[in-house]
Amino acid sequence: MSHLSSSLSIAALLAFASAASAETLLVDRVQQEPHAQMPARGMSMAQVEARFGAPSQKLDPRGGQKRQWPTINRWVYPDFTVYFEKTRVVDAVANKAAADEIGPKPAIR
């Protein structure tokens, strides 16, 4: 009986492992893609728009309530989201490519 239960647990582990390998981690995909496809830190809003076109969505600014809290603007493109401090890029983050990809949650709107 223990032989039957151990063979079932091995089959279950193999099924789980094959299902887990089918998932794609966002980090893995981003590391495989060239970084030139996203805006570089320090680019201006005008430079980003000239190089990548108009964003599909401009989210409402966040922050700026106090002088020490800069206003953060977010532009969403199909493949990435750009974060600006005032008018300069501080970061660009890859968006999820598919529903089964594991990565960050969508931006708060």
PDB file of N, CA and C in Angstrom:
ATOM      1  N   MET A   1       0.817  -1.185   0.000  1.00  0.00           N
ATOM      2  CA  MET A   1       0.000   0.000   0.000  1.00  0.00           C
ATOM      3  C   MET A   1       0.862   1.250   0.000  1.00  0.00           C
ATOM      4  N   SER A   2       1.981   1.224   0.718  1.00  0.00           N
ATOM      5  CA  SER A   2       2.858   2.393   0.745  1.00  0.00           C
ATOM      6  C   SER A   2       3.495   2.620  -0.618  1.00  0.00           C
ATOM      7  N   HIS A   3       3.730   1.545  -1.373  1.00  0.00           N
ATOM      8  CA  HIS A   3       4.275   1.675  -2.725  1.00  0.00           C
ATOM      9  C   HIS A   3       3.291   2.408  -3.634  1.00  0.00           C
ATOM     10  N   LEU A   4       1.992   2.093  -3.507  1.00  0.00           N
ATOM     11  CA  LEU A   4       0.961   2.745  -4.309  1.00  0.00           C
ATOM     12  C   LEU A   4       0.854   4.228  -3.949  1.00  0.00           C
ATOM     13  N   SER A   5       0.880   4.556  -2.662  1.00  0.00           N
ATOM     14  CA  SER A   5       0.762   5.964  -2.256  1.00  0.00           C
ATOM     15  C   SER A   5       2.008   6.758  -2.648  1.00  0.00           C
ATOM     16  N   SER A   6       3.189   6.135  -2.592  1.00  0.00           N
ATOM     17  CA  SER A   6       4.394   6.865  -2.993  1.00  0.00           C
ATOM     18  C   SER A   6       4.415   7.092  -4.503  1.00  0.00           C
ATOM     19  N   SER A   7       3.912   6.131  -5.281  1.00  0.00           N
ATOM     20  CA  SER A   7       3.879   6.344  -6.733  1.00  0.00           C
ATOM     21  C   SER A   7       2.845   7.406  -7.094  1.00  0.00           C
ATOM     22  N   LEU A   8       1.750   7.499  -6.343  1.00  0.00           N
ATOM     23  CA  LEU A   8       0.759   8.546  -6.574  1.00  0.00           C
ATOM     24  C   LEU A   8       1.331   9.921  -6.227  1.00  0.00           C
ATOM     25  N   SER A   9       2.066  10.001  -5.132  1.00  0.00           N
ATOM     26  CA  SER A   9       2.627  11.294  -4.745  1.00  0.00           C
ATOM     27  C   SER A   9       3.708  11.729  -5.741  1.00  0.00           C
ATOM     28  N   ILE A  10       4.461  10.805  -6.290  1.00  0.00           N
ATOM     29  CA  ILE A  10       5.450  11.148  -7.308  1.00  0.00           C
ATOM     30  C   ILE A  10       4.748  11.640  -8.561  1.00  0.00           C
ATOM     31  N   ALA A  11       3.661  10.984  -8.957  1.00  0.00           N
ATOM     32  CA  ALA A  11       2.900  11.428 -10.128  1.00  0.00           C
ATOM     33  C   ALA A  11       2.331  12.822  -9.900  1.00  0.00           C
ATOM     34  N   ALA A  12       1.850  13.073  -8.691  1.00  0.00           N
ATOM     35  CA  ALA A  12       1.309  14.399  -8.375  1.00  0.00           C
ATOM     36  C   ALA A  12       2.407  15.453  -8.434  1.00  0.00           C
ATOM     37  N   LEU A  13       3.585  15.133  -7.931  1.00  0.00           N
ATOM     38  CA  LEU A  13       4.710  16.079  -7.979  1.00  0.00           C
ATOM     39  C   LEU A  13       5.141  16.359  -9.412  1.00  0.00           C
ATOM     40  N   LEU A  14       5.173  15.324 -10.239  1.00  0.00           N
ATOM     41  CA  LEU A  14       5.542  15.513 -11.643  1.00  0.00           C
ATOM     42  C   LEU A  14       4.511  16.376 -12.363  1.00  0.00           C
ATOM     43  N   ALA A  15       3.239  16.156 -12.084  1.00  0.00           N
ATOM     44  CA  ALA A  15       2.196  16.974 -12.706  1.00  0.00           C
ATOM     45  C   ALA A  15       2.330  18.427 -12.255  1.00  0.00           C
ATOM     46  N   PHE A  16       2.607  18.634 -10.968  1.00  0.00           N
ATOM     47  CA  PHE A  16       2.785  19.993 -10.448  1.00  0.00           C
ATOM     48  C   PHE A  16       4.012  20.657 -11.067  1.00  0.00           C
ATOM     49  N   ALA A  17       5.094  19.904 -11.194  1.00  0.00           N
ATOM     50  CA  ALA A  17       6.322  20.467 -11.754  1.00  0.00           C
ATOM     51  C   ALA A  17       6.133  20.858 -13.213  1.00  0.00           C
ATOM     52  N   SER A  18       5.422  20.046 -13.975  1.00  0.00           N
ATOM     53  CA  SER A  18       5.219  20.393 -15.383  1.00  0.00           C
ATOM     54  C   SER A  18       4.286  21.587 -15.506  1.00  0.00           C
ATOM     55  N   ALA A  19       3.308  21.717 -14.617  1.00  0.00           N
ATOM     56  CA  ALA A  19       2.414  22.885 -14.647  1.00  0.00           C
ATOM     57  C   ALA A  19       3.180  24.135 -14.234  1.00  0.00           C
ATOM     58  N   ALA A  20       4.052  24.032 -13.250  1.00  0.00           N
ATOM     59  CA  ALA A  20       4.818  25.186 -12.786  1.00  0.00           C
ATOM     60  C   ALA A  20       5.814  25.660 -13.837  1.00  0.00           C
ATOM     61  N   SER A  21       6.382  24.723 -14.598  1.00  0.00           N
ATOM     62  CA  SER A  21       7.349  25.130 -15.612  1.00  0.00           C
ATOM     63  C   SER A  21       6.667  25.828 -16.782  1.00  0.00           C
ATOM     64  N   ALA A  22       5.351  25.635 -16.934  1.00  0.00           N
ATOM     65  CA  ALA A  22       4.622  26.291 -18.017  1.00  0.00           C
ATOM     66  C   ALA A  22       4.414  27.777 -17.729  1.00  0.00           C
ATOM     67  N   GLU A  23       4.462  28.173 -16.454  1.00  0.00           N
ATOM     68  CA  GLU A  23       4.312  29.571 -16.098  1.00  0.00           C
ATOM     69  C   GLU A  23       5.586  30.333 -16.436  1.00  0.00           C
ATOM     70  N   THR A  24       5.431  31.596 -16.778  1.00  0.00           N
ATOM     71  CA  THR A  24       6.573  32.432 -17.096  1.00  0.00           C
ATOM     72  C   THR A  24       6.700  33.502 -16.032  1.00  0.00           C
ATOM     73  N   LEU A  25       7.870  33.658 -15.490  1.00  0.00           N
ATOM     74  CA  LEU A  25       8.105  34.738 -14.548  1.00  0.00           C
ATOM     75  C   LEU A  25       8.430  36.007 -15.320  1.00  0.00           C
ATOM     76  N   LEU A  26       7.851  37.111 -14.917  1.00  0.00           N
ATOM     77  CA  LEU A  26       8.108  38.392 -15.556  1.00  0.00           C
ATOM     78  C   LEU A  26       9.599  38.725 -15.515  1.00  0.00           C
ATOM     79  N   VAL A  27      10.249  38.409 -14.416  1.00  0.00           N
ATOM     80  CA  VAL A  27      11.681  38.688 -14.276  1.00  0.00           C
ATOM     81  C   VAL A  27      12.472  37.951 -15.349  1.00  0.00           C
ATOM     82  N   ASP A  28      12.126  36.692 -15.606  1.00  0.00           N
ATOM     83  CA  ASP A  28      12.828  35.917 -16.630  1.00  0.00           C
ATOM     84  C   ASP A  28      12.658  36.546 -18.007  1.00  0.00           C
ATOM     85  N   ARG A  29      11.422  36.969 -18.337  1.00  0.00           N
ATOM     86  CA  ARG A  29      11.175  37.566 -19.647  1.00  0.00           C
ATOM     87  C   ARG A  29      11.928  38.880 -19.799  1.00  0.00           C
ATOM     88  N   VAL A  30      11.919  39.703 -18.759  1.00  0.00           N
ATOM     89  CA  VAL A  30      12.577  41.009 -18.824  1.00  0.00           C
ATOM     90  C   VAL A  30      14.088  40.844 -18.970  1.00  0.00           C
ATOM     91  N   GLN A  31      14.661  39.859 -18.295  1.00  0.00           N
ATOM     92  CA  GLN A  31      16.105  39.636 -18.401  1.00  0.00           C
ATOM     93  C   GLN A  31      16.503  39.170 -19.790  1.00  0.00           C
ATOM     94  N   GLN A  32      15.602  38.526 -20.514  1.00  0.00           N
ATOM     95  CA  GLN A  32      15.904  38.050 -21.855  1.00  0.00           C
ATOM     96  C   GLN A  32      15.759  39.144 -22.906  1.00  0.00           C
ATOM     97  N   GLU A  33      14.971  40.176 -22.614  1.00  0.00           N
ATOM     98  CA  GLU A  33      14.737  41.252 -23.581  1.00  0.00           C
ATOM     99  C   GLU A  33      15.812  42.322 -23.457  1.00  0.00           C
ATOM    100  N   PRO A  34      16.158  42.962 -24.567  1.00  0.00           N
ATOM    101  CA  PRO A  34      17.125  44.064 -24.496  1.00  0.00           C
ATOM    102  C   PRO A  34      16.532  45.258 -23.759  1.00  0.00           C
ATOM    103  N   HIS A  35      17.369  45.958 -22.993  1.00  0.00           N
ATOM    104  CA  HIS A  35      16.907  47.093 -22.197  1.00  0.00           C
ATOM    105  C   HIS A  35      16.667  48.338 -23.040  1.00  0.00           C
ATOM    106  N   ALA A  36      17.084  48.350 -24.284  1.00  0.00           N
ATOM    107  CA  ALA A  36      16.914  49.529 -25.136  1.00  0.00           C
ATOM    108  C   ALA A  36      15.451  49.754 -25.499  1.00  0.00           C
ATOM    109  N   GLN A  37      14.580  48.800 -25.204  1.00  0.00           N
ATOM    110  CA  GLN A  37      13.174  48.918 -25.555  1.00  0.00           C
ATOM    111  C   GLN A  37      12.372  49.712 -24.532  1.00  0.00           C
ATOM    112  N   MET A  38      13.026  50.197 -23.480  1.00  0.00           N
ATOM    113  CA  MET A  38      12.352  50.985 -22.461  1.00  0.00           C
ATOM    114  C   MET A  38      13.102  52.301 -22.264  1.00  0.00           C
ATOM    115  N   PRO A  39      12.406  53.339 -21.805  1.00  0.00           N
ATOM    116  CA  PRO A  39      13.070  54.623 -21.559  1.00  0.00           C
ATOM    117  C   PRO A  39      14.150  54.506 -20.488  1.00  0.00           C
ATOM    118  N   ALA A  40      15.189  55.293 -20.651  1.00  0.00           N
ATOM    119  CA  ALA A  40      16.301  55.301 -19.695  1.00  0.00           C
ATOM    120  C   ALA A  40      16.054  56.353 -18.617  1.00  0.00           C
ATOM    121  N   ARG A  41      16.590  56.099 -17.462  1.00  0.00           N
ATOM    122  CA  ARG A  41      16.491  57.037 -16.343  1.00  0.00           C
ATOM    123  C   ARG A  41      17.063  58.388 -16.769  1.00  0.00           C
ATOM    124  N   GLY A  42      16.337  59.467 -16.453  1.00  0.00           N
ATOM    125  CA  GLY A  42      16.801  60.810 -16.759  1.00  0.00           C
ATOM    126  C   GLY A  42      16.218  61.406 -18.027  1.00  0.00           C
ATOM    127  N   MET A  43      15.592  60.580 -18.873  1.00  0.00           N
ATOM    128  CA  MET A  43      14.968  61.114 -20.081  1.00  0.00           C
ATOM    129  C   MET A  43      13.808  62.029 -19.690  1.00  0.00           C
ATOM    130  N   SER A  44      13.561  63.044 -20.508  1.00  0.00           N
ATOM    131  CA  SER A  44      12.441  63.947 -20.245  1.00  0.00           C
ATOM    132  C   SER A  44      11.158  63.352 -20.823  1.00  0.00           C
ATOM    133  N   MET A  45      10.029  63.914 -20.419  1.00  0.00           N
ATOM    134  CA  MET A  45       8.747  63.457 -20.970  1.00  0.00           C
ATOM    135  C   MET A  45       8.710  63.635 -22.480  1.00  0.00           C
ATOM    136  N   ALA A  46       9.246  64.751 -22.950  1.00  0.00           N
ATOM    137  CA  ALA A  46       9.263  65.022 -24.394  1.00  0.00           C
ATOM    138  C   ALA A  46      10.116  63.992 -25.130  1.00  0.00           C
ATOM    139  N   GLN A  47      11.266  63.621 -24.564  1.00  0.00           N
ATOM    140  CA  GLN A  47      12.130  62.624 -25.190  1.00  0.00           C
ATOM    141  C   GLN A  47      11.450  61.254 -25.240  1.00  0.00           C
ATOM    142  N   VAL A  48      10.757  60.898 -24.165  1.00  0.00           N
ATOM    143  CA  VAL A  48      10.057  59.602 -24.129  1.00  0.00           C
ATOM    144  C   VAL A  48       8.963  59.576 -25.189  1.00  0.00           C
ATOM    145  N   GLU A  49       8.187  60.658 -25.266  1.00  0.00           N
ATOM    146  CA  GLU A  49       7.100  60.701 -26.240  1.00  0.00           C
ATOM    147  C   GLU A  49       7.628  60.729 -27.674  1.00  0.00           C
ATOM    148  N   ALA A  50       8.755  61.404 -27.904  1.00  0.00           N
ATOM    149  CA  ALA A  50       9.336  61.447 -29.242  1.00  0.00           C
ATOM    150  C   ALA A  50       9.857  60.065 -29.662  1.00  0.00           C
ATOM    151  N   ARG A  51      10.427  59.325 -28.734  1.00  0.00           N
ATOM    152  CA  ARG A  51      11.023  58.031 -29.067  1.00  0.00           C
ATOM    153  C   ARG A  51      10.004  56.888 -29.089  1.00  0.00           C
ATOM    154  N   PHE A  52       9.059  56.899 -28.137  1.00  0.00           N
ATOM    155  CA  PHE A  52       8.142  55.765 -28.001  1.00  0.00           C
ATOM    156  C   PHE A  52       6.703  56.090 -28.413  1.00  0.00           C
ATOM    157  N   GLY A  53       6.447  57.334 -28.795  1.00  0.00           N
ATOM    158  CA  GLY A  53       5.097  57.726 -29.179  1.00  0.00           C
ATOM    159  C   GLY A  53       4.258  58.086 -27.967  1.00  0.00           C
ATOM    160  N   ALA A  54       3.022  58.410 -28.230  1.00  0.00           N
ATOM    161  CA  ALA A  54       2.109  58.773 -27.143  1.00  0.00           C
ATOM    162  C   ALA A  54       1.769  57.530 -26.323  1.00  0.00           C
ATOM    163  N   PRO A  55       1.675  57.668 -25.008  1.00  0.00           N
ATOM    164  CA  PRO A  55       1.310  56.510 -24.190  1.00  0.00           C
ATOM    165  C   PRO A  55      -0.144  56.123 -24.423  1.00  0.00           C
ATOM    166  N   SER A  56      -0.457  54.869 -24.165  1.00  0.00           N
ATOM    167  CA  SER A  56      -1.843  54.432 -24.303  1.00  0.00           C
ATOM    168  C   SER A  56      -2.702  55.006 -23.185  1.00  0.00           C
ATOM    169  N   GLN A  57      -2.049  55.358 -22.068  1.00  0.00           N
ATOM    170  CA  GLN A  57      -2.785  55.922 -20.946  1.00  0.00           C
ATOM    171  C   GLN A  57      -1.844  56.758 -20.085  1.00  0.00           C
ATOM    172  N   LYS A  58      -2.325  57.921 -19.649  1.00  0.00           N
ATOM    173  CA  LYS A  58      -1.599  58.750 -18.680  1.00  0.00           C
ATOM    174  C   LYS A  58      -2.396  58.701 -17.386  1.00  0.00           C
ATOM    175  N   LEU A  59      -1.825  58.052 -16.371  1.00  0.00           N
ATOM    176  CA  LEU A  59      -2.512  57.910 -15.095  1.00  0.00           C
ATOM    177  C   LEU A  59      -2.431  59.212 -14.299  1.00  0.00           C
ATOM    178  N   ASP A  60      -3.357  59.369 -13.370  1.00  0.00           N
ATOM    179  CA  ASP A  60      -3.367  60.561 -12.529  1.00  0.00           C
ATOM    180  C   ASP A  60      -2.072  60.653 -11.728  1.00  0.00           C
ATOM    181  N   PRO A  61      -1.524  61.877 -11.558  1.00  0.00           N
ATOM    182  CA  PRO A  61      -0.308  62.045 -10.769  1.00  0.00           C
ATOM    183  C   PRO A  61      -0.538  61.665  -9.310  1.00  0.00           C
ATOM    184  N   ARG A  62       0.508  61.219  -8.660  1.00  0.00           N
ATOM    185  CA  ARG A  62       0.475  60.879  -7.236  1.00  0.00           C
ATOM    186  C   ARG A  62       1.534  61.701  -6.513  1.00  0.00           C
ATOM    187  N   GLY A  63       1.304  61.965  -5.235  1.00  0.00           N
ATOM    188  CA  GLY A  63       2.268  62.704  -4.432  1.00  0.00           C
ATOM    189  C   GLY A  63       2.126  64.199  -4.627  1.00  0.00           C
ATOM    190  N   GLY A  64       3.145  64.931  -4.167  1.00  0.00           N
ATOM    191  CA  GLY A  64       3.166  66.374  -4.332  1.00  0.00           C
ATOM    192  C   GLY A  64       2.426  67.142  -3.256  1.00  0.00           C
ATOM    193  N   GLN A  65       1.893  66.447  -2.241  1.00  0.00           N
ATOM    194  CA  GLN A  65       1.169  67.149  -1.196  1.00  0.00           C
ATOM    195  C   GLN A  65       2.089  68.019  -0.345  1.00  0.00           C
ATOM    196  N   LYS A  66       3.315  67.588  -0.212  1.00  0.00           N
ATOM    197  CA  LYS A  66       4.316  68.360   0.531  1.00  0.00           C
ATOM    198  C   LYS A  66       5.518  68.579  -0.373  1.00  0.00           C
ATOM    199  N   ARG A  67       6.322  69.565  -0.040  1.00  0.00           N
ATOM    200  CA  ARG A  67       7.479  69.890  -0.862  1.00  0.00           C
ATOM    201  C   ARG A  67       8.463  68.719  -0.963  1.00  0.00           C
ATOM    202  N   GLN A  68       8.603  67.943   0.114  1.00  0.00           N
ATOM    203  CA  GLN A  68       9.552  66.823   0.098  1.00  0.00           C
ATOM    204  C   GLN A  68       8.983  65.583  -0.601  1.00  0.00           C
ATOM    205  N   TRP A  69       7.704  65.616  -0.994  1.00  0.00           N
ATOM    206  CA  TRP A  69       7.091  64.511  -1.734  1.00  0.00           C
ATOM    207  C   TRP A  69       6.904  64.948  -3.178  1.00  0.00           C
ATOM    208  N   PRO A  70       7.783  64.563  -4.077  1.00  0.00           N
ATOM    209  CA  PRO A  70       7.661  65.007  -5.471  1.00  0.00           C
ATOM    210  C   PRO A  70       6.438  64.384  -6.156  1.00  0.00           C
ATOM    211  N   THR A  71       5.948  65.063  -7.146  1.00  0.00           N
ATOM    212  CA  THR A  71       4.838  64.542  -7.943  1.00  0.00           C
ATOM    213  C   THR A  71       5.359  63.440  -8.859  1.00  0.00           C
ATOM    214  N   ILE A  72       4.686  62.299  -8.837  1.00  0.00           N
ATOM    215  CA  ILE A  72       5.056  61.161  -9.672  1.00  0.00           C
ATOM    216  C   ILE A  72       3.982  61.000 -10.749  1.00  0.00           C
ATOM    217  N   ASN A  73       4.386  61.096 -12.004  1.00  0.00           N
ATOM    218  CA  ASN A  73       3.497  60.866 -13.140  1.00  0.00           C
ATOM    219  C   ASN A  73       3.777  59.487 -13.704  1.00  0.00           C
ATOM    220  N   ARG A  74       2.728  58.808 -14.183  1.00  0.00           N
ATOM    221  CA  ARG A  74       2.876  57.455 -14.721  1.00  0.00           C
ATOM    222  C   ARG A  74       2.241  57.393 -16.097  1.00  0.00           C
ATOM    223  N   TRP A  75       3.010  56.913 -17.056  1.00  0.00           N
ATOM    224  CA  TRP A  75       2.522  56.709 -18.417  1.00  0.00           C
ATOM    225  C   TRP A  75       2.548  55.221 -18.704  1.00  0.00           C
ATOM    226  N   VAL A  76       1.451  54.718 -19.221  1.00  0.00           N
ATOM    227  CA  VAL A  76       1.343  53.285 -19.518  1.00  0.00           C
ATOM    228  C   VAL A  76       1.459  53.078 -21.022  1.00  0.00           C
ATOM    229  N   TYR A  77       2.402  52.240 -21.418  1.00  0.00           N
ATOM    230  CA  TYR A  77       2.577  51.783 -22.792  1.00  0.00           C
ATOM    231  C   TYR A  77       2.200  50.302 -22.819  1.00  0.00           C
ATOM    232  N   PRO A  78       1.990  49.704 -23.976  1.00  0.00           N
ATOM    233  CA  PRO A  78       1.603  48.285 -24.021  1.00  0.00           C
ATOM    234  C   PRO A  78       2.593  47.351 -23.321  1.00  0.00           C
ATOM    235  N   ASP A  79       3.895  47.628 -23.414  1.00  0.00           N
ATOM    236  CA  ASP A  79       4.897  46.720 -22.849  1.00  0.00           C
ATOM    237  C   ASP A  79       5.489  47.174 -21.528  1.00  0.00           C
ATOM    238  N   PHE A  80       5.338  48.436 -21.173  1.00  0.00           N
ATOM    239  CA  PHE A  80       5.955  48.939 -19.951  1.00  0.00           C
ATOM    240  C   PHE A  80       5.206  50.152 -19.419  1.00  0.00           C
ATOM    241  N   THR A  81       5.487  50.486 -18.153  1.00  0.00           N
ATOM    242  CA  THR A  81       4.959  51.685 -17.519  1.00  0.00           C
ATOM    243  C   THR A  81       6.151  52.542 -17.124  1.00  0.00           C
ATOM    244  N   VAL A  82       6.058  53.839 -17.424  1.00  0.00           N
ATOM    245  CA  VAL A  82       7.143  54.772 -17.131  1.00  0.00           C
ATOM    246  C   VAL A  82       6.743  55.638 -15.942  1.00  0.00           C
ATOM    247  N   TYR A  83       7.658  55.789 -14.988  1.00  0.00           N
ATOM    248  CA  TYR A  83       7.436  56.617 -13.806  1.00  0.00           C
ATOM    249  C   TYR A  83       8.324  57.845 -13.911  1.00  0.00           C
ATOM    250  N   PHE A  84       7.701  59.018 -13.800  1.00  0.00           N
ATOM    251  CA  PHE A  84       8.413  60.291 -13.875  1.00  0.00           C
ATOM    252  C   PHE A  84       8.368  60.983 -12.523  1.00  0.00           C
ATOM    253  N   GLU A  85       9.486  61.553 -12.099  1.00  0.00           N
ATOM    254  CA  GLU A  85       9.493  62.476 -10.968  1.00  0.00           C
ATOM    255  C   GLU A  85       9.507  63.858 -11.591  1.00  0.00           C
ATOM    256  N   LYS A  86       8.421  64.561 -11.418  1.00  0.00           N
ATOM    257  CA  LYS A  86       8.165  65.821 -12.115  1.00  0.00           C
ATOM    258  C   LYS A  86       8.163  65.537 -13.618  1.00  0.00           C
ATOM    259  N   THR A  87       9.234  65.866 -14.355  1.00  0.00           N
ATOM    260  CA  THR A  87       9.233  65.639 -15.806  1.00  0.00           C
ATOM    261  C   THR A  87      10.334  64.690 -16.268  1.00  0.00           C
ATOM    262  N   ARG A  88      11.034  64.031 -15.342  1.00  0.00           N
ATOM    263  CA  ARG A  88      12.157  63.147 -15.697  1.00  0.00           C
ATOM    264  C   ARG A  88      11.868  61.701 -15.313  1.00  0.00           C
ATOM    265  N   VAL A  89      12.303  60.762 -16.160  1.00  0.00           N
ATOM    266  CA  VAL A  89      12.120  59.335 -15.902  1.00  0.00           C
ATOM    267  C   VAL A  89      12.944  58.928 -14.689  1.00  0.00           C
ATOM    268  N   VAL A  90      12.278  58.271 -13.736  1.00  0.00           N
ATOM    269  CA  VAL A  90      13.000  57.680 -12.612  1.00  0.00           C
ATOM    270  C   VAL A  90      13.025  56.160 -12.722  1.00  0.00           C
ATOM    271  N   ASP A  91      12.054  55.592 -13.471  1.00  0.00           N
ATOM    272  CA  ASP A  91      12.041  54.146 -13.649  1.00  0.00           C
ATOM    273  C   ASP A  91      11.081  53.768 -14.778  1.00  0.00           C
ATOM    274  N   ALA A  92      11.327  52.629 -15.368  1.00  0.00           N
ATOM    275  CA  ALA A  92      10.420  52.023 -16.347  1.00  0.00           C
ATOM    276  C   ALA A  92      10.302  50.552 -15.978  1.00  0.00           C
ATOM    277  N   VAL A  93       9.068  50.064 -15.903  1.00  0.00           N
ATOM    278  CA  VAL A  93       8.811  48.710 -15.439  1.00  0.00           C
ATOM    279  C   VAL A  93       8.036  47.948 -16.506  1.00  0.00           C
ATOM    280  N   ALA A  94       8.477  46.728 -16.813  1.00  0.00           N
ATOM    281  CA  ALA A  94       7.792  45.894 -17.808  1.00  0.00           C
ATOM    282  C   ALA A  94       6.429  45.475 -17.287  1.00  0.00           C
ATOM    283  N   ASN A  95       5.438  45.502 -18.162  1.00  0.00           N
ATOM    284  CA  ASN A  95       4.091  45.038 -17.826  1.00  0.00           C
ATOM    285  C   ASN A  95       3.995  43.542 -18.065  1.00  0.00           C
ATOM    286  N   LYS A  96       2.994  42.917 -17.478  1.00  0.00           N
ATOM    287  CA  LYS A  96       2.748  41.504 -17.730  1.00  0.00           C
ATOM    288  C   LYS A  96       2.354  41.314 -19.189  1.00  0.00           C
ATOM    289  N   ALA A  97       2.865  40.273 -19.811  1.00  0.00           N
ATOM    290  CA  ALA A  97       2.563  39.995 -21.214  1.00  0.00           C
ATOM    291  C   ALA A  97       1.338  39.110 -21.367  1.00  0.00           C
ATOM    292  N   ALA A  98       1.096  38.255 -20.401  1.00  0.00           N
ATOM    293  CA  ALA A  98      -0.021  37.319 -20.497  1.00  0.00           C
ATOM    294  C   ALA A  98      -0.611  37.093 -19.104  1.00  0.00           C
ATOM    295  N   ALA A  99      -1.822  36.586 -19.077  1.00  0.00           N
ATOM    296  CA  ALA A  99      -2.507  36.362 -17.804  1.00  0.00           C
ATOM    297  C   ALA A  99      -1.798  35.319 -16.942  1.00  0.00           C
ATOM    298  N   ASP A 100      -1.108  34.356 -17.560  1.00  0.00           N
ATOM    299  CA  ASP A 100      -0.443  33.311 -16.784  1.00  0.00           C
ATOM    300  C   ASP A 100       0.961  33.709 -16.332  1.00  0.00           C
ATOM    301  N   GLU A 101       1.396  34.896 -16.706  1.00  0.00           N
ATOM    302  CA  GLU A 101       2.726  35.354 -16.302  1.00  0.00           C
ATOM    303  C   GLU A 101       2.666  35.893 -14.875  1.00  0.00           C
ATOM    304  N   ILE A 102       3.651  35.561 -14.084  1.00  0.00           N
ATOM    305  CA  ILE A 102       3.703  36.004 -12.703  1.00  0.00           C
ATOM    306  C   ILE A 102       4.506  37.290 -12.648  1.00  0.00           C
ATOM    307  N   GLY A 103       3.904  38.338 -12.132  1.00  0.00           N
ATOM    308  CA  GLY A 103       4.587  39.631 -12.076  1.00  0.00           C
ATOM    309  C   GLY A 103       3.823  40.614 -11.227  1.00  0.00           C
ATOM    310  N   PRO A 104       4.160  41.897 -11.327  1.00  0.00           N
ATOM    311  CA  PRO A 104       3.510  42.889 -10.472  1.00  0.00           C
ATOM    312  C   PRO A 104       2.040  43.066 -10.825  1.00  0.00           C
ATOM    313  N   LYS A 105       1.293  43.511  -9.829  1.00  0.00           N
ATOM    314  CA  LYS A 105      -0.130  43.781 -10.040  1.00  0.00           C
ATOM    315  C   LYS A 105      -0.264  45.054 -10.886  1.00  0.00           C
ATOM    316  N   PRO A 106      -1.385  45.244 -11.570  1.00  0.00           N
ATOM    317  CA  PRO A 106      -1.592  46.470 -12.344  1.00  0.00           C
ATOM    318  C   PRO A 106      -1.525  47.709 -11.456  1.00  0.00           C
ATOM    319  N   ALA A 107      -1.197  48.846 -12.047  1.00  0.00           N
ATOM    320  CA  ALA A 107      -1.089  50.089 -11.303  1.00  0.00           C
ATOM    321  C   ALA A 107      -2.441  50.495 -10.732  1.00  0.00           C
ATOM    322  N   ILE A 108      -2.408  51.131  -9.573  1.00  0.00           N
ATOM    323  CA  ILE A 108      -3.617  51.672  -8.963  1.00  0.00           C
ATOM    324  C   ILE A 108      -4.031  52.879  -9.778  1.00  0.00           C
ATOM    325  N   ARG A 109      -5.245  52.949 -10.177  1.00  0.00           N
ATOM    326  CA  ARG A 109      -5.710  54.039 -11.051  1.00  0.00           C
ATOM    327  C   ARG A 109      -6.298  55.153 -10.272  1.00  0.00           C
TER     328      ARG A 109
END
